[in-house]
Amino acid sequence: MKRHGSASWQGGFKDGRGTISTESGALAAHPYGYAMRFEEVKGTNPEELIGAAHAGCFTMALSAVLGGAGLTAEQMDTSAEVTFEKQGEGFAITKIHLTLRARIPGTDDAQFQELAAKAKANCPVSKVLNAEITLDATLEG
């Protein structure tokens, strides 16, 4: 199975403009640029897309792990905070912090924490990232 994404860029590093697209059409020539990435200007950037991908992958991985334990979530909400820092001559994603809030009938916090850690370790996006990945998991209700 293969998935595809693409980017196009015109101009210099700071004054140039680019677009990001996905095979599915979820993003179709969506604009991005220096200011959106480094100056907090509204718009997308690769780091927030990695954060969204990681949150989605982890949450789906947790759903699979829960199913293996005979559990089903009523609700799971995951956010990913991506830390993007200057390192040497360039930049790197140095940390991703996942925050999960979930309602899962039939489990306790100890089992929930164990299953969430297993999902984090087995999430394909977690595996590909060369960053510290931390997790706060809160079982609600």
N, C-alpha and C. Protein backbone atom coordinates (compact mmCIF):
# COMPACT_ATOMS: atom_id res chain seq x y z
N MET A 1 0.84 -1.17 0.00
CA MET A 1 0.00 0.00 0.00
C MET A 1 0.90 1.24 0.00
N LYS A 2 0.59 2.19 -0.85
CA LYS A 2 1.35 3.44 -0.93
C LYS A 2 0.37 4.60 -0.94
N ARG A 3 0.77 5.68 -0.31
CA ARG A 3 0.00 6.92 -0.31
C ARG A 3 0.89 8.02 -0.84
N HIS A 4 0.30 9.06 -1.44
CA HIS A 4 1.10 10.10 -2.08
C HIS A 4 0.69 11.49 -1.64
N GLY A 5 1.69 12.31 -1.49
CA GLY A 5 1.52 13.73 -1.25
C GLY A 5 2.52 14.45 -2.13
N SER A 6 2.28 15.73 -2.38
CA SER A 6 3.21 16.47 -3.24
C SER A 6 3.27 17.93 -2.82
N ALA A 7 4.32 18.59 -3.25
CA ALA A 7 4.51 20.01 -2.98
C ALA A 7 5.07 20.68 -4.22
N SER A 8 4.74 21.93 -4.37
CA SER A 8 5.25 22.75 -5.45
C SER A 8 5.74 24.05 -4.83
N TRP A 9 6.83 24.63 -5.35
CA TRP A 9 7.41 25.84 -4.77
C TRP A 9 7.93 26.74 -5.86
N GLN A 10 7.71 28.05 -5.70
CA GLN A 10 8.26 29.05 -6.61
C GLN A 10 8.90 30.15 -5.77
N GLY A 11 10.12 30.55 -6.13
CA GLY A 11 10.77 31.67 -5.47
C GLY A 11 11.78 31.24 -4.43
N GLY A 12 12.26 32.24 -3.69
CA GLY A 12 13.27 32.02 -2.66
C GLY A 12 12.69 31.47 -1.38
N PHE A 13 13.58 31.22 -0.43
CA PHE A 13 13.19 30.62 0.84
C PHE A 13 12.20 31.50 1.60
N LYS A 14 12.50 32.79 1.76
CA LYS A 14 11.64 33.68 2.54
C LYS A 14 10.54 34.33 1.72
N ASP A 15 10.79 34.60 0.45
CA ASP A 15 9.79 35.31 -0.35
C ASP A 15 9.02 34.39 -1.29
N GLY A 16 9.35 33.12 -1.29
CA GLY A 16 8.68 32.18 -2.18
C GLY A 16 7.32 31.75 -1.66
N ARG A 17 6.63 31.02 -2.52
CA ARG A 17 5.31 30.49 -2.17
C ARG A 17 5.23 29.06 -2.68
N GLY A 18 4.47 28.27 -1.94
CA GLY A 18 4.31 26.90 -2.36
C GLY A 18 2.90 26.41 -2.15
N THR A 19 2.65 25.22 -2.64
CA THR A 19 1.37 24.55 -2.41
C THR A 19 1.65 23.10 -2.02
N ILE A 20 0.76 22.56 -1.21
CA ILE A 20 0.83 21.17 -0.78
C ILE A 20 -0.46 20.48 -1.22
N SER A 21 -0.32 19.27 -1.76
CA SER A 21 -1.48 18.51 -2.22
C SER A 21 -1.39 17.08 -1.73
N THR A 22 -2.55 16.46 -1.60
CA THR A 22 -2.61 15.04 -1.25
C THR A 22 -3.35 14.29 -2.35
N GLU A 23 -2.99 13.04 -2.50
CA GLU A 23 -3.61 12.19 -3.50
C GLU A 23 -5.12 12.13 -3.34
N SER A 24 -5.59 12.11 -2.09
CA SER A 24 -7.03 11.99 -1.82
C SER A 24 -7.81 13.25 -2.19
N GLY A 25 -7.10 14.37 -2.30
CA GLY A 25 -7.78 15.64 -2.54
C GLY A 25 -8.11 16.38 -1.26
N ALA A 26 -7.79 15.81 -0.10
CA ALA A 26 -8.03 16.50 1.17
C ALA A 26 -7.33 17.86 1.17
N LEU A 27 -6.16 17.91 0.58
CA LEU A 27 -5.47 19.17 0.31
C LEU A 27 -5.23 19.22 -1.19
N ALA A 28 -5.70 20.27 -1.81
CA ALA A 28 -5.52 20.43 -3.26
C ALA A 28 -4.88 21.79 -3.50
N ALA A 29 -3.58 21.77 -3.76
CA ALA A 29 -2.82 23.00 -3.99
C ALA A 29 -3.05 24.00 -2.84
N HIS A 30 -2.97 23.49 -1.61
CA HIS A 30 -3.15 24.34 -0.42
C HIS A 30 -1.88 25.16 -0.21
N PRO A 31 -1.99 26.50 -0.07
CA PRO A 31 -0.80 27.35 0.01
C PRO A 31 -0.04 27.19 1.33
N TYR A 32 1.27 27.33 1.22
CA TYR A 32 2.13 27.44 2.39
C TYR A 32 3.35 28.26 2.03
N GLY A 33 4.03 28.77 3.05
CA GLY A 33 5.21 29.59 2.81
C GLY A 33 5.96 29.86 4.09
N TYR A 34 7.01 30.65 3.98
CA TYR A 34 7.89 30.96 5.10
C TYR A 34 7.11 31.53 6.28
N ALA A 35 6.29 32.53 6.04
CA ALA A 35 5.58 33.19 7.14
C ALA A 35 4.63 32.24 7.86
N MET A 36 4.03 31.30 7.12
CA MET A 36 3.13 30.33 7.74
C MET A 36 3.89 29.32 8.58
N ARG A 37 5.14 29.15 8.27
CA ARG A 37 5.94 28.16 8.97
C ARG A 37 6.75 28.76 10.11
N PHE A 38 7.25 29.97 9.94
CA PHE A 38 8.19 30.53 10.92
C PHE A 38 7.69 31.79 11.62
N GLU A 39 6.58 32.39 11.17
CA GLU A 39 6.17 33.67 11.73
C GLU A 39 4.74 33.67 12.26
N GLU A 40 4.15 32.51 12.50
CA GLU A 40 2.81 32.41 13.08
C GLU A 40 1.70 33.03 12.23
N VAL A 41 1.95 33.20 10.93
CA VAL A 41 0.91 33.67 10.02
C VAL A 41 -0.03 32.49 9.76
N LYS A 42 -1.33 32.77 9.71
CA LYS A 42 -2.32 31.71 9.48
C LYS A 42 -2.08 31.03 8.15
N GLY A 43 -2.25 29.73 8.16
CA GLY A 43 -2.03 28.90 6.98
C GLY A 43 -1.40 27.60 7.43
N THR A 44 -1.22 26.69 6.55
CA THR A 44 -0.67 25.40 6.94
C THR A 44 0.84 25.36 6.81
N ASN A 45 1.42 24.32 7.36
CA ASN A 45 2.85 24.07 7.25
C ASN A 45 3.09 22.58 7.46
N PRO A 46 4.24 22.08 7.05
CA PRO A 46 4.49 20.65 7.19
C PRO A 46 4.38 20.13 8.62
N GLU A 47 4.78 20.93 9.60
CA GLU A 47 4.77 20.46 10.99
C GLU A 47 3.35 20.24 11.51
N GLU A 48 2.42 21.14 11.18
CA GLU A 48 1.06 20.92 11.65
C GLU A 48 0.42 19.73 10.93
N LEU A 49 0.81 19.51 9.69
CA LEU A 49 0.30 18.35 8.97
C LEU A 49 0.83 17.06 9.58
N ILE A 50 2.09 17.05 10.00
CA ILE A 50 2.65 15.89 10.70
C ILE A 50 1.92 15.69 12.02
N GLY A 51 1.62 16.78 12.73
CA GLY A 51 0.88 16.68 13.98
C GLY A 51 -0.50 16.07 13.78
N ALA A 52 -1.21 16.52 12.76
CA ALA A 52 -2.54 15.98 12.48
C ALA A 52 -2.44 14.50 12.08
N ALA A 53 -1.45 14.18 11.25
CA ALA A 53 -1.26 12.79 10.84
C ALA A 53 -0.94 11.90 12.04
N HIS A 54 -0.09 12.40 12.93
CA HIS A 54 0.29 11.62 14.11
C HIS A 54 -0.91 11.42 15.04
N ALA A 55 -1.67 12.48 15.28
CA ALA A 55 -2.86 12.36 16.13
C ALA A 55 -3.84 11.35 15.55
N GLY A 56 -4.06 11.42 14.24
CA GLY A 56 -4.98 10.50 13.59
C GLY A 56 -4.50 9.06 13.63
N CYS A 57 -3.22 8.86 13.36
CA CYS A 57 -2.64 7.52 13.35
C CYS A 57 -2.68 6.91 14.75
N PHE A 58 -2.26 7.67 15.76
CA PHE A 58 -2.26 7.18 17.13
C PHE A 58 -3.67 6.81 17.59
N THR A 59 -4.64 7.66 17.30
CA THR A 59 -6.01 7.41 17.75
C THR A 59 -6.56 6.15 17.09
N MET A 60 -6.27 5.97 15.82
CA MET A 60 -6.72 4.76 15.13
C MET A 60 -5.99 3.53 15.67
N ALA A 61 -4.69 3.66 15.95
CA ALA A 61 -3.93 2.55 16.53
C ALA A 61 -4.50 2.17 17.89
N LEU A 62 -4.88 3.17 18.69
CA LEU A 62 -5.47 2.89 19.99
C LEU A 62 -6.81 2.17 19.84
N SER A 63 -7.59 2.55 18.85
CA SER A 63 -8.85 1.86 18.60
C SER A 63 -8.61 0.38 18.33
N ALA A 64 -7.57 0.07 17.56
CA ALA A 64 -7.23 -1.33 17.27
C ALA A 64 -6.78 -2.06 18.53
N VAL A 65 -5.95 -1.40 19.34
CA VAL A 65 -5.47 -2.01 20.59
C VAL A 65 -6.64 -2.25 21.54
N LEU A 66 -7.54 -1.28 21.62
CA LEU A 66 -8.73 -1.45 22.47
C LEU A 66 -9.55 -2.64 22.00
N GLY A 67 -9.76 -2.76 20.70
CA GLY A 67 -10.52 -3.88 20.15
C GLY A 67 -9.90 -5.21 20.53
N GLY A 68 -8.56 -5.28 20.50
CA GLY A 68 -7.86 -6.49 20.89
C GLY A 68 -8.07 -6.84 22.35
N ALA A 69 -8.39 -5.83 23.16
CA ALA A 69 -8.65 -6.05 24.58
C ALA A 69 -10.15 -6.18 24.86
N GLY A 70 -10.95 -6.24 23.80
CA GLY A 70 -12.39 -6.38 23.97
C GLY A 70 -13.09 -5.10 24.38
N LEU A 71 -12.48 -3.96 24.09
CA LEU A 71 -13.04 -2.65 24.48
C LEU A 71 -13.34 -1.81 23.25
N THR A 72 -14.30 -0.90 23.41
CA THR A 72 -14.63 0.06 22.35
C THR A 72 -14.78 1.44 22.98
N ALA A 73 -14.14 2.41 22.40
CA ALA A 73 -14.23 3.79 22.92
C ALA A 73 -15.56 4.42 22.53
N GLU A 74 -16.13 5.15 23.46
CA GLU A 74 -17.28 6.00 23.13
C GLU A 74 -16.79 7.24 22.41
N GLN A 75 -15.66 7.77 22.86
CA GLN A 75 -15.10 9.00 22.28
C GLN A 75 -13.61 9.05 22.58
N MET A 76 -12.81 9.44 21.60
CA MET A 76 -11.39 9.70 21.81
C MET A 76 -11.05 10.97 21.04
N ASP A 77 -10.37 11.88 21.71
CA ASP A 77 -9.91 13.13 21.09
C ASP A 77 -8.43 13.28 21.37
N THR A 78 -7.65 13.38 20.32
CA THR A 78 -6.19 13.47 20.45
C THR A 78 -5.70 14.73 19.76
N SER A 79 -4.82 15.45 20.44
CA SER A 79 -4.14 16.57 19.79
C SER A 79 -2.64 16.30 19.85
N ALA A 80 -1.91 16.89 18.91
CA ALA A 80 -0.46 16.71 18.85
C ALA A 80 0.20 18.08 18.82
N GLU A 81 1.09 18.32 19.76
CA GLU A 81 1.88 19.54 19.78
C GLU A 81 3.26 19.21 19.24
N VAL A 82 3.61 19.79 18.12
CA VAL A 82 4.87 19.50 17.43
C VAL A 82 5.86 20.62 17.75
N THR A 83 7.01 20.25 18.32
CA THR A 83 8.06 21.22 18.61
C THR A 83 9.06 21.21 17.46
N PHE A 84 9.24 22.37 16.85
CA PHE A 84 10.07 22.57 15.67
C PHE A 84 11.14 23.59 16.05
N GLU A 85 12.41 23.16 16.10
CA GLU A 85 13.46 24.02 16.63
C GLU A 85 14.67 24.09 15.70
N LYS A 86 15.38 25.20 15.83
CA LYS A 86 16.64 25.35 15.09
C LYS A 86 17.66 24.41 15.71
N GLN A 87 18.35 23.68 14.84
CA GLN A 87 19.44 22.79 15.27
C GLN A 87 20.57 22.94 14.28
N GLY A 88 21.69 23.45 14.76
CA GLY A 88 22.84 23.64 13.88
C GLY A 88 22.49 24.58 12.73
N GLU A 89 22.70 24.13 11.51
CA GLU A 89 22.45 24.94 10.32
C GLU A 89 21.00 24.88 9.85
N GLY A 90 20.22 24.00 10.44
CA GLY A 90 18.84 23.83 9.96
C GLY A 90 17.84 23.74 11.10
N PHE A 91 16.75 23.07 10.84
CA PHE A 91 15.67 22.91 11.80
C PHE A 91 15.33 21.44 11.92
N ALA A 92 14.69 21.09 13.05
CA ALA A 92 14.28 19.70 13.27
C ALA A 92 13.02 19.67 14.12
N ILE A 93 12.21 18.65 13.89
CA ILE A 93 11.12 18.34 14.80
C ILE A 93 11.77 17.56 15.94
N THR A 94 11.77 18.15 17.13
CA THR A 94 12.48 17.55 18.25
C THR A 94 11.57 16.82 19.22
N LYS A 95 10.28 17.15 19.18
CA LYS A 95 9.37 16.54 20.14
C LYS A 95 7.95 16.62 19.61
N ILE A 96 7.18 15.60 19.90
CA ILE A 96 5.74 15.63 19.66
C ILE A 96 5.06 15.18 20.94
N HIS A 97 4.16 16.01 21.44
CA HIS A 97 3.42 15.68 22.66
C HIS A 97 1.97 15.40 22.28
N LEU A 98 1.56 14.18 22.48
CA LEU A 98 0.17 13.79 22.22
C LEU A 98 -0.64 13.97 23.50
N THR A 99 -1.82 14.55 23.36
CA THR A 99 -2.75 14.68 24.47
C THR A 99 -4.03 13.98 24.07
N LEU A 100 -4.41 13.00 24.84
CA LEU A 100 -5.59 12.18 24.56
C LEU A 100 -6.60 12.32 25.69
N ARG A 101 -7.86 12.52 25.33
CA ARG A 101 -8.98 12.48 26.26
C ARG A 101 -9.92 11.42 25.71
N ALA A 102 -10.33 10.47 26.55
CA ALA A 102 -11.13 9.36 26.05
C ALA A 102 -12.17 8.91 27.05
N ARG A 103 -13.28 8.42 26.51
CA ARG A 103 -14.31 7.73 27.30
C ARG A 103 -14.35 6.30 26.78
N ILE A 104 -13.97 5.37 27.64
CA ILE A 104 -13.90 3.96 27.26
C ILE A 104 -14.55 3.13 28.36
N PRO A 105 -15.78 2.73 28.17
CA PRO A 105 -16.46 1.92 29.19
C PRO A 105 -15.74 0.59 29.40
N GLY A 106 -15.72 0.13 30.66
CA GLY A 106 -15.20 -1.19 30.96
C GLY A 106 -13.71 -1.25 31.24
N THR A 107 -13.04 -0.10 31.34
CA THR A 107 -11.61 -0.11 31.65
C THR A 107 -11.34 0.77 32.86
N ASP A 108 -10.18 0.58 33.45
CA ASP A 108 -9.73 1.46 34.52
C ASP A 108 -8.50 2.21 34.03
N ASP A 109 -8.02 3.16 34.84
CA ASP A 109 -6.92 4.01 34.38
C ASP A 109 -5.64 3.21 34.13
N ALA A 110 -5.34 2.22 34.96
CA ALA A 110 -4.11 1.45 34.76
C ALA A 110 -4.13 0.72 33.42
N GLN A 111 -5.23 0.05 33.12
CA GLN A 111 -5.33 -0.65 31.83
C GLN A 111 -5.31 0.35 30.68
N PHE A 112 -6.01 1.46 30.84
CA PHE A 112 -6.05 2.50 29.82
C PHE A 112 -4.65 3.03 29.50
N GLN A 113 -3.86 3.31 30.53
CA GLN A 113 -2.50 3.82 30.32
C GLN A 113 -1.64 2.79 29.59
N GLU A 114 -1.78 1.54 29.97
CA GLU A 114 -1.03 0.46 29.31
C GLU A 114 -1.40 0.34 27.83
N LEU A 115 -2.70 0.40 27.54
CA LEU A 115 -3.15 0.27 26.15
C LEU A 115 -2.74 1.49 25.33
N ALA A 116 -2.80 2.68 25.93
CA ALA A 116 -2.40 3.90 25.22
C ALA A 116 -0.90 3.86 24.90
N ALA A 117 -0.09 3.40 25.84
CA ALA A 117 1.36 3.29 25.60
C ALA A 117 1.65 2.28 24.49
N LYS A 118 0.91 1.19 24.47
CA LYS A 118 1.09 0.18 23.42
C LYS A 118 0.73 0.78 22.05
N ALA A 119 -0.35 1.55 22.00
CA ALA A 119 -0.75 2.19 20.74
C ALA A 119 0.31 3.19 20.28
N LYS A 120 0.85 3.97 21.21
CA LYS A 120 1.89 4.95 20.86
C LYS A 120 3.11 4.24 20.27
N ALA A 121 3.51 3.13 20.88
CA ALA A 121 4.69 2.39 20.42
C ALA A 121 4.46 1.74 19.07
N ASN A 122 3.22 1.40 18.75
CA ASN A 122 2.93 0.67 17.52
C ASN A 122 2.32 1.52 16.41
N CYS A 123 2.07 2.78 16.66
CA CYS A 123 1.54 3.68 15.64
C CYS A 123 2.60 3.86 14.54
N PRO A 124 2.26 3.60 13.28
CA PRO A 124 3.24 3.74 12.20
C PRO A 124 3.86 5.13 12.11
N VAL A 125 3.11 6.18 12.39
CA VAL A 125 3.69 7.53 12.33
C VAL A 125 4.68 7.72 13.48
N SER A 126 4.37 7.20 14.67
CA SER A 126 5.32 7.27 15.79
C SER A 126 6.64 6.61 15.39
N LYS A 127 6.54 5.48 14.72
CA LYS A 127 7.74 4.72 14.35
C LYS A 127 8.63 5.46 13.36
N VAL A 128 8.05 6.26 12.48
CA VAL A 128 8.84 6.92 11.45
C VAL A 128 9.49 8.22 11.93
N LEU A 129 9.00 8.78 13.01
CA LEU A 129 9.51 10.07 13.47
C LEU A 129 10.75 9.91 14.34
N ASN A 130 11.73 10.73 14.09
CA ASN A 130 12.96 10.74 14.89
C ASN A 130 12.86 11.88 15.89
N ALA A 131 11.86 11.78 16.77
CA ALA A 131 11.62 12.83 17.76
C ALA A 131 11.20 12.17 19.05
N GLU A 132 11.36 12.88 20.15
CA GLU A 132 10.83 12.41 21.42
C GLU A 132 9.32 12.50 21.36
N ILE A 133 8.65 11.43 21.71
CA ILE A 133 7.19 11.41 21.68
C ILE A 133 6.68 11.14 23.08
N THR A 134 5.90 12.09 23.61
CA THR A 134 5.33 11.95 24.94
C THR A 134 3.83 11.89 24.83
N LEU A 135 3.19 11.40 25.88
CA LEU A 135 1.74 11.20 25.86
C LEU A 135 1.14 11.52 27.21
N ASP A 136 0.08 12.32 27.22
CA ASP A 136 -0.80 12.50 28.39
C ASP A 136 -2.11 11.88 28.01
N ALA A 137 -2.52 10.85 28.73
CA ALA A 137 -3.79 10.16 28.42
C ALA A 137 -4.69 10.28 29.64
N THR A 138 -5.87 10.82 29.42
CA THR A 138 -6.85 10.99 30.50
C THR A 138 -8.10 10.22 30.16
N LEU A 139 -8.48 9.35 31.08
CA LEU A 139 -9.71 8.58 30.95
C LEU A 139 -10.79 9.37 31.64
N GLU A 140 -11.83 9.69 30.91
CA GLU A 140 -12.93 10.49 31.43
C GLU A 140 -14.15 9.61 31.69
N GLY A 141 -14.98 10.08 32.60
CA GLY A 141 -16.27 9.43 32.86
C GLY A 141 -16.08 8.09 33.43
